[in-house]
Amino acid sequence: MKTSIVIATVIGGLTVAALAWLLLGRETTSPPSAALAHQVNVIVPTLTGQAAAGERVFERACVACHGSNAAGGPGGPPLVHRIYEPGHHADGAFVLAVRNGVRQHHWKFGSMPPVADVSPAETASIIAYVRTLQRANGIR
């Protein structure tokens, strides 16, 4: 009986010590979410013409997921990233993604739904905007 009391006391003490270590030993600031860890720094050049128009459409239709300046956000990956360079994701891939949505394949954000309120002309402007940002950031 004495042995079981000792064992219970030791286990209880270890449990209290482990909980104290977990609660008191933690940092007070929260680490960034896994999604935001994919954000990139983007150099934004002076935008004109179709790229400037694309920025306005992007801000309306894409920024909630892909973040400001296509740098990545809580719901979508950065488009200013080598994965989306023209040789790997041609302009047609962007057209299809906007029109039909896209199944998750490079990132763990889930699948992208179609963006119904973006016209083909607006999609072309978004592509011009993203390609301009990519070129300014060394993605060719």
N, C-alpha and C. Protein backbone atom coordinates (compact mmCIF):
# COMPACT_ATOMS: atom_id res chain seq x y z
N MET A 1 0.82 -1.19 0.00
CA MET A 1 0.00 0.00 0.00
C MET A 1 0.87 1.25 0.00
N LYS A 2 1.95 1.24 0.84
CA LYS A 2 2.85 2.38 0.88
C LYS A 2 3.49 2.62 -0.48
N THR A 3 3.84 1.57 -1.18
CA THR A 3 4.47 1.69 -2.49
C THR A 3 3.53 2.37 -3.48
N SER A 4 2.27 2.03 -3.46
CA SER A 4 1.32 2.64 -4.40
C SER A 4 1.12 4.12 -4.09
N ILE A 5 1.18 4.49 -2.80
CA ILE A 5 1.06 5.90 -2.44
C ILE A 5 2.28 6.67 -2.94
N VAL A 6 3.46 6.11 -2.79
CA VAL A 6 4.69 6.74 -3.26
C VAL A 6 4.65 6.91 -4.78
N ILE A 7 4.25 5.87 -5.46
CA ILE A 7 4.18 5.93 -6.93
C ILE A 7 3.17 6.99 -7.37
N ALA A 8 2.02 7.02 -6.73
CA ALA A 8 1.00 8.02 -7.06
C ALA A 8 1.51 9.43 -6.79
N THR A 9 2.24 9.61 -5.70
CA THR A 9 2.79 10.92 -5.37
C THR A 9 3.84 11.35 -6.40
N VAL A 10 4.70 10.44 -6.80
CA VAL A 10 5.73 10.74 -7.79
C VAL A 10 5.07 11.09 -9.13
N ILE A 11 4.11 10.28 -9.56
CA ILE A 11 3.42 10.55 -10.82
C ILE A 11 2.70 11.90 -10.76
N GLY A 12 2.04 12.16 -9.64
CA GLY A 12 1.35 13.45 -9.47
C GLY A 12 2.32 14.61 -9.53
N GLY A 13 3.46 14.46 -8.86
CA GLY A 13 4.48 15.52 -8.87
C GLY A 13 5.05 15.76 -10.26
N LEU A 14 5.31 14.67 -10.98
CA LEU A 14 5.82 14.81 -12.34
C LEU A 14 4.79 15.48 -13.25
N THR A 15 3.53 15.14 -13.07
CA THR A 15 2.46 15.75 -13.86
C THR A 15 2.38 17.24 -13.60
N VAL A 16 2.43 17.63 -12.33
CA VAL A 16 2.39 19.05 -11.97
C VAL A 16 3.62 19.76 -12.55
N ALA A 17 4.78 19.16 -12.44
CA ALA A 17 6.01 19.76 -12.97
C ALA A 17 5.93 19.93 -14.48
N ALA A 18 5.41 18.92 -15.17
CA ALA A 18 5.28 18.99 -16.63
C ALA A 18 4.31 20.08 -17.03
N LEU A 19 3.18 20.18 -16.34
CA LEU A 19 2.20 21.23 -16.64
C LEU A 19 2.80 22.62 -16.38
N ALA A 20 3.51 22.77 -15.28
CA ALA A 20 4.14 24.06 -14.98
C ALA A 20 5.15 24.43 -16.05
N TRP A 21 5.94 23.46 -16.51
CA TRP A 21 6.93 23.72 -17.55
C TRP A 21 6.23 24.15 -18.84
N LEU A 22 5.16 23.45 -19.18
CA LEU A 22 4.43 23.80 -20.40
C LEU A 22 3.80 25.18 -20.32
N LEU A 23 3.21 25.50 -19.18
CA LEU A 23 2.51 26.77 -19.05
C LEU A 23 3.45 27.95 -18.81
N LEU A 24 4.44 27.77 -18.00
CA LEU A 24 5.33 28.88 -17.65
C LEU A 24 6.52 29.01 -18.60
N GLY A 25 6.87 27.93 -19.24
CA GLY A 25 8.03 27.96 -20.11
C GLY A 25 7.73 28.39 -21.53
N ARG A 26 6.48 28.66 -21.83
CA ARG A 26 6.09 29.05 -23.18
C ARG A 26 6.38 30.52 -23.41
N GLU A 27 6.60 30.86 -24.68
CA GLU A 27 6.78 32.25 -25.05
C GLU A 27 5.44 32.96 -24.93
N THR A 28 5.47 34.26 -24.72
CA THR A 28 4.23 35.01 -24.59
C THR A 28 3.70 35.45 -25.95
N THR A 29 4.51 35.43 -26.98
CA THR A 29 4.04 35.81 -28.30
C THR A 29 3.72 34.56 -29.09
N SER A 30 2.71 34.67 -29.91
CA SER A 30 2.30 33.53 -30.72
C SER A 30 3.16 33.45 -31.96
N PRO A 31 3.55 32.25 -32.37
CA PRO A 31 4.30 32.13 -33.61
C PRO A 31 3.38 32.39 -34.78
N PRO A 32 3.92 32.80 -35.94
CA PRO A 32 3.05 33.03 -37.09
C PRO A 32 2.41 31.72 -37.51
N SER A 33 1.22 31.84 -38.09
CA SER A 33 0.56 30.63 -38.55
C SER A 33 1.36 30.03 -39.70
N ALA A 34 1.16 28.76 -39.94
CA ALA A 34 1.87 28.08 -41.02
C ALA A 34 1.58 28.75 -42.36
N ALA A 35 0.36 29.21 -42.54
CA ALA A 35 0.01 29.85 -43.81
C ALA A 35 0.79 31.14 -44.00
N LEU A 36 0.90 31.95 -42.96
CA LEU A 36 1.61 33.22 -43.09
C LEU A 36 3.11 33.02 -43.19
N ALA A 37 3.60 31.86 -42.82
CA ALA A 37 5.02 31.58 -42.95
C ALA A 37 5.43 31.52 -44.42
N HIS A 38 4.47 31.39 -45.31
CA HIS A 38 4.76 31.33 -46.74
C HIS A 38 4.77 32.70 -47.40
N GLN A 39 4.51 33.75 -46.66
CA GLN A 39 4.53 35.08 -47.24
C GLN A 39 5.94 35.44 -47.69
N VAL A 40 6.01 36.22 -48.75
CA VAL A 40 7.30 36.67 -49.27
C VAL A 40 7.33 38.19 -49.28
N ASN A 41 8.53 38.73 -49.26
CA ASN A 41 8.70 40.17 -49.43
C ASN A 41 8.64 40.46 -50.92
N VAL A 42 7.85 41.45 -51.30
CA VAL A 42 7.66 41.77 -52.71
C VAL A 42 8.08 43.20 -52.98
N ILE A 43 8.94 43.37 -53.96
CA ILE A 43 9.29 44.70 -54.48
C ILE A 43 8.19 45.07 -55.46
N VAL A 44 7.57 46.21 -55.25
CA VAL A 44 6.48 46.64 -56.13
C VAL A 44 6.99 47.77 -57.02
N PRO A 45 7.07 47.50 -58.33
CA PRO A 45 7.52 48.54 -59.25
C PRO A 45 6.38 49.53 -59.51
N THR A 46 6.69 50.60 -60.23
CA THR A 46 5.65 51.51 -60.68
C THR A 46 4.78 50.76 -61.68
N LEU A 47 3.50 50.75 -61.44
CA LEU A 47 2.58 50.01 -62.30
C LEU A 47 1.85 50.96 -63.23
N THR A 48 1.74 50.56 -64.47
CA THR A 48 1.02 51.36 -65.46
C THR A 48 0.15 50.45 -66.31
N GLY A 49 -0.74 51.04 -67.05
CA GLY A 49 -1.54 50.32 -68.03
C GLY A 49 -2.28 49.12 -67.46
N GLN A 50 -2.16 48.01 -68.17
CA GLN A 50 -2.89 46.80 -67.81
C GLN A 50 -2.48 46.26 -66.43
N ALA A 51 -1.21 46.40 -66.08
CA ALA A 51 -0.76 45.93 -64.76
C ALA A 51 -1.40 46.74 -63.64
N ALA A 52 -1.54 48.05 -63.84
CA ALA A 52 -2.20 48.90 -62.84
C ALA A 52 -3.68 48.53 -62.71
N ALA A 53 -4.31 48.27 -63.84
CA ALA A 53 -5.71 47.83 -63.81
C ALA A 53 -5.81 46.47 -63.10
N GLY A 54 -4.86 45.60 -63.37
CA GLY A 54 -4.84 44.29 -62.73
C GLY A 54 -4.69 44.38 -61.23
N GLU A 55 -3.91 45.35 -60.77
CA GLU A 55 -3.76 45.53 -59.32
C GLU A 55 -5.11 45.84 -58.69
N ARG A 56 -5.90 46.69 -59.32
CA ARG A 56 -7.21 47.04 -58.78
C ARG A 56 -8.13 45.82 -58.72
N VAL A 57 -8.12 45.01 -59.77
CA VAL A 57 -8.95 43.80 -59.78
C VAL A 57 -8.43 42.82 -58.73
N PHE A 58 -7.12 42.67 -58.65
CA PHE A 58 -6.51 41.77 -57.66
C PHE A 58 -6.94 42.16 -56.25
N GLU A 59 -6.90 43.47 -55.97
CA GLU A 59 -7.28 43.95 -54.63
C GLU A 59 -8.74 43.62 -54.33
N ARG A 60 -9.58 43.61 -55.33
CA ARG A 60 -11.00 43.31 -55.13
C ARG A 60 -11.25 41.81 -55.01
N ALA A 61 -10.60 41.02 -55.86
CA ALA A 61 -10.99 39.61 -56.00
C ALA A 61 -10.01 38.60 -55.44
N CYS A 62 -8.76 38.98 -55.20
CA CYS A 62 -7.73 37.99 -54.87
C CYS A 62 -7.00 38.23 -53.56
N VAL A 63 -6.98 39.47 -53.11
CA VAL A 63 -6.13 39.84 -51.98
C VAL A 63 -6.52 39.12 -50.69
N ALA A 64 -7.79 38.78 -50.51
CA ALA A 64 -8.22 38.12 -49.28
C ALA A 64 -7.47 36.81 -49.06
N CYS A 65 -7.17 36.11 -50.12
CA CYS A 65 -6.45 34.84 -50.00
C CYS A 65 -4.95 34.99 -50.29
N HIS A 66 -4.62 35.67 -51.40
CA HIS A 66 -3.23 35.72 -51.86
C HIS A 66 -2.43 36.89 -51.28
N GLY A 67 -3.07 37.73 -50.45
CA GLY A 67 -2.36 38.80 -49.76
C GLY A 67 -2.04 39.99 -50.64
N SER A 68 -1.68 41.08 -49.99
CA SER A 68 -1.29 42.30 -50.71
C SER A 68 -0.08 42.02 -51.58
N ASN A 69 -0.10 42.57 -52.76
CA ASN A 69 1.00 42.44 -53.72
C ASN A 69 1.30 40.99 -54.06
N ALA A 70 0.29 40.13 -53.92
CA ALA A 70 0.43 38.69 -54.25
C ALA A 70 1.56 38.04 -53.45
N ALA A 71 1.77 38.54 -52.23
CA ALA A 71 2.86 38.05 -51.38
C ALA A 71 2.47 36.84 -50.54
N GLY A 72 1.24 36.38 -50.68
CA GLY A 72 0.75 35.25 -49.88
C GLY A 72 -0.07 35.75 -48.72
N GLY A 73 -1.03 34.95 -48.33
CA GLY A 73 -1.90 35.35 -47.24
C GLY A 73 -2.40 34.14 -46.48
N PRO A 74 -3.35 34.37 -45.61
CA PRO A 74 -3.83 33.27 -44.78
C PRO A 74 -4.60 32.20 -45.55
N GLY A 75 -5.08 32.54 -46.74
CA GLY A 75 -5.88 31.57 -47.48
C GLY A 75 -5.29 31.13 -48.80
N GLY A 76 -4.12 31.64 -49.15
CA GLY A 76 -3.54 31.29 -50.44
C GLY A 76 -2.06 31.59 -50.50
N PRO A 77 -1.39 30.93 -51.42
CA PRO A 77 0.07 31.08 -51.53
C PRO A 77 0.49 32.38 -52.20
N PRO A 78 1.76 32.71 -52.08
CA PRO A 78 2.29 33.87 -52.81
C PRO A 78 2.34 33.53 -54.29
N LEU A 79 1.88 34.46 -55.11
CA LEU A 79 1.99 34.28 -56.56
C LEU A 79 3.31 34.85 -57.08
N VAL A 80 3.96 35.66 -56.27
CA VAL A 80 5.30 36.14 -56.59
C VAL A 80 6.24 35.10 -55.98
N HIS A 81 6.34 34.00 -56.68
CA HIS A 81 7.10 32.84 -56.23
C HIS A 81 7.53 32.06 -57.45
N ARG A 82 8.69 31.44 -57.39
CA ARG A 82 9.22 30.72 -58.55
C ARG A 82 8.30 29.60 -59.03
N ILE A 83 7.46 29.07 -58.14
CA ILE A 83 6.52 28.03 -58.57
C ILE A 83 5.60 28.56 -59.67
N TYR A 84 5.30 29.85 -59.63
CA TYR A 84 4.37 30.43 -60.60
C TYR A 84 5.05 31.14 -61.75
N GLU A 85 6.35 30.87 -61.94
CA GLU A 85 7.03 31.48 -63.08
C GLU A 85 6.37 31.00 -64.37
N PRO A 86 6.45 31.80 -65.42
CA PRO A 86 5.75 31.46 -66.67
C PRO A 86 6.09 30.08 -67.23
N GLY A 87 7.30 29.60 -67.03
CA GLY A 87 7.67 28.28 -67.55
C GLY A 87 7.03 27.13 -66.79
N HIS A 88 6.55 27.38 -65.59
CA HIS A 88 5.91 26.32 -64.81
C HIS A 88 4.40 26.48 -64.76
N HIS A 89 3.93 27.70 -64.60
CA HIS A 89 2.50 28.01 -64.66
C HIS A 89 2.32 29.10 -65.71
N ALA A 90 2.01 28.68 -66.91
CA ALA A 90 1.79 29.64 -68.00
C ALA A 90 0.54 30.47 -67.70
N ASP A 91 0.36 31.52 -68.48
CA ASP A 91 -0.79 32.40 -68.27
C ASP A 91 -2.10 31.62 -68.31
N GLY A 92 -2.18 30.61 -69.14
CA GLY A 92 -3.38 29.80 -69.22
C GLY A 92 -3.74 29.12 -67.91
N ALA A 93 -2.75 28.80 -67.10
CA ALA A 93 -3.02 28.19 -65.79
C ALA A 93 -3.76 29.17 -64.88
N PHE A 94 -3.42 30.46 -64.98
CA PHE A 94 -4.12 31.48 -64.21
C PHE A 94 -5.55 31.63 -64.71
N VAL A 95 -5.72 31.61 -66.03
CA VAL A 95 -7.06 31.72 -66.62
C VAL A 95 -7.94 30.58 -66.12
N LEU A 96 -7.41 29.37 -66.18
CA LEU A 96 -8.17 28.20 -65.73
C LEU A 96 -8.46 28.25 -64.24
N ALA A 97 -7.50 28.72 -63.45
CA ALA A 97 -7.70 28.80 -62.01
C ALA A 97 -8.84 29.76 -61.67
N VAL A 98 -8.87 30.90 -62.34
CA VAL A 98 -9.93 31.87 -62.07
C VAL A 98 -11.27 31.31 -62.55
N ARG A 99 -11.29 30.75 -63.74
CA ARG A 99 -12.55 30.27 -64.33
C ARG A 99 -13.09 29.01 -63.65
N ASN A 100 -12.22 28.03 -63.40
CA ASN A 100 -12.67 26.72 -62.92
C ASN A 100 -12.28 26.40 -61.48
N GLY A 101 -11.42 27.21 -60.90
CA GLY A 101 -10.83 26.85 -59.62
C GLY A 101 -9.67 25.90 -59.89
N VAL A 102 -8.98 25.52 -58.83
CA VAL A 102 -7.84 24.62 -59.01
C VAL A 102 -7.72 23.73 -57.77
N ARG A 103 -7.44 22.49 -58.03
CA ARG A 103 -7.24 21.51 -56.95
C ARG A 103 -5.91 21.79 -56.26
N GLN A 104 -5.89 21.68 -54.96
CA GLN A 104 -4.65 21.88 -54.19
C GLN A 104 -3.56 20.96 -54.73
N HIS A 105 -2.37 21.52 -54.99
CA HIS A 105 -1.29 20.64 -55.44
C HIS A 105 0.10 21.09 -55.00
N HIS A 106 0.39 22.35 -54.87
CA HIS A 106 1.73 22.78 -54.44
C HIS A 106 1.77 23.16 -52.97
N TRP A 107 0.68 23.65 -52.45
CA TRP A 107 0.62 24.20 -51.10
C TRP A 107 -0.49 23.51 -50.32
N LYS A 108 -0.54 23.73 -49.05
CA LYS A 108 -1.58 23.12 -48.21
C LYS A 108 -2.60 24.15 -47.75
N PHE A 109 -3.12 24.90 -48.69
CA PHE A 109 -4.16 25.88 -48.39
C PHE A 109 -5.54 25.34 -48.72
N GLY A 110 -5.61 24.20 -49.34
CA GLY A 110 -6.88 23.68 -49.83
C GLY A 110 -7.06 24.10 -51.27
N SER A 111 -8.09 23.60 -51.88
CA SER A 111 -8.36 23.92 -53.28
C SER A 111 -8.90 25.32 -53.41
N MET A 112 -8.62 25.94 -54.55
CA MET A 112 -9.12 27.29 -54.84
C MET A 112 -10.43 27.17 -55.60
N PRO A 113 -11.47 27.85 -55.13
CA PRO A 113 -12.73 27.82 -55.88
C PRO A 113 -12.65 28.75 -57.08
N PRO A 114 -13.56 28.58 -58.05
CA PRO A 114 -13.61 29.54 -59.16
C PRO A 114 -13.92 30.94 -58.63
N VAL A 115 -13.50 31.95 -59.37
CA VAL A 115 -13.78 33.33 -58.99
C VAL A 115 -14.74 33.88 -60.04
N ALA A 116 -16.02 33.70 -59.78
CA ALA A 116 -17.06 33.96 -60.78
C ALA A 116 -17.19 35.42 -61.18
N ASP A 117 -16.86 36.34 -60.30
CA ASP A 117 -17.08 37.76 -60.62
C ASP A 117 -15.89 38.43 -61.29
N VAL A 118 -14.99 37.64 -61.87
CA VAL A 118 -13.85 38.20 -62.60
C VAL A 118 -14.00 37.82 -64.07
N SER A 119 -14.06 38.83 -64.92
CA SER A 119 -14.25 38.61 -66.36
C SER A 119 -12.94 38.16 -67.01
N PRO A 120 -13.02 37.64 -68.23
CA PRO A 120 -11.78 37.29 -68.95
C PRO A 120 -10.82 38.48 -69.12
N ALA A 121 -11.36 39.66 -69.40
CA ALA A 121 -10.50 40.85 -69.54
C ALA A 121 -9.84 41.20 -68.20
N GLU A 122 -10.59 41.06 -67.11
CA GLU A 122 -10.01 41.33 -65.79
C GLU A 122 -8.96 40.28 -65.44
N THR A 123 -9.20 39.04 -65.84
CA THR A 123 -8.21 37.99 -65.60
C THR A 123 -6.91 38.31 -66.32
N ALA A 124 -7.00 38.79 -67.54
CA ALA A 124 -5.80 39.19 -68.29
C ALA A 124 -5.06 40.31 -67.56
N SER A 125 -5.80 41.23 -66.97
CA SER A 125 -5.18 42.32 -66.22
C SER A 125 -4.49 41.78 -64.95
N ILE A 126 -5.13 40.83 -64.28
CA ILE A 126 -4.51 40.23 -63.09
C ILE A 126 -3.21 39.55 -63.49
N ILE A 127 -3.22 38.84 -64.60
CA ILE A 127 -2.01 38.16 -65.06
C ILE A 127 -0.91 39.18 -65.36
N ALA A 128 -1.27 40.29 -66.02
CA ALA A 128 -0.27 41.34 -66.30
C ALA A 128 0.31 41.89 -64.99
N TYR A 129 -0.54 42.07 -64.01
CA TYR A 129 -0.10 42.56 -62.70
C TYR A 129 0.86 41.57 -62.03
N VAL A 130 0.46 40.30 -61.97
CA VAL A 130 1.30 39.29 -61.32
C VAL A 130 2.62 39.12 -62.07
N ARG A 131 2.58 39.07 -63.39
CA ARG A 131 3.82 38.93 -64.17
C ARG A 131 4.73 40.14 -63.98
N THR A 132 4.17 41.33 -63.87
CA THR A 132 4.99 42.52 -63.62
C THR A 132 5.66 42.43 -62.25
N LEU A 133 4.91 42.01 -61.24
CA LEU A 133 5.50 41.82 -59.90
C LEU A 133 6.59 40.75 -59.94
N GLN A 134 6.31 39.66 -60.64
CA GLN A 134 7.31 38.57 -60.73
C GLN A 134 8.60 39.08 -61.36
N ARG A 135 8.49 39.78 -62.49
CA ARG A 135 9.70 40.27 -63.16
C ARG A 135 10.49 41.22 -62.25
N ALA A 136 9.78 42.09 -61.52
CA ALA A 136 10.44 43.03 -60.61
C ALA A 136 11.15 42.30 -59.47
N ASN A 137 10.75 41.07 -59.22
CA ASN A 137 11.32 40.30 -58.13
C ASN A 137 12.19 39.14 -58.63
N GLY A 138 12.64 39.25 -59.89
CA GLY A 138 13.60 38.29 -60.43
C GLY A 138 13.02 36.96 -60.90
N ILE A 139 11.71 36.89 -61.03
CA ILE A 139 11.07 35.65 -61.51
C ILE A 139 10.74 35.87 -62.98
N ARG A 140 11.35 35.06 -63.83
CA ARG A 140 11.18 35.26 -65.28
C ARG A 140 10.65 34.04 -65.95
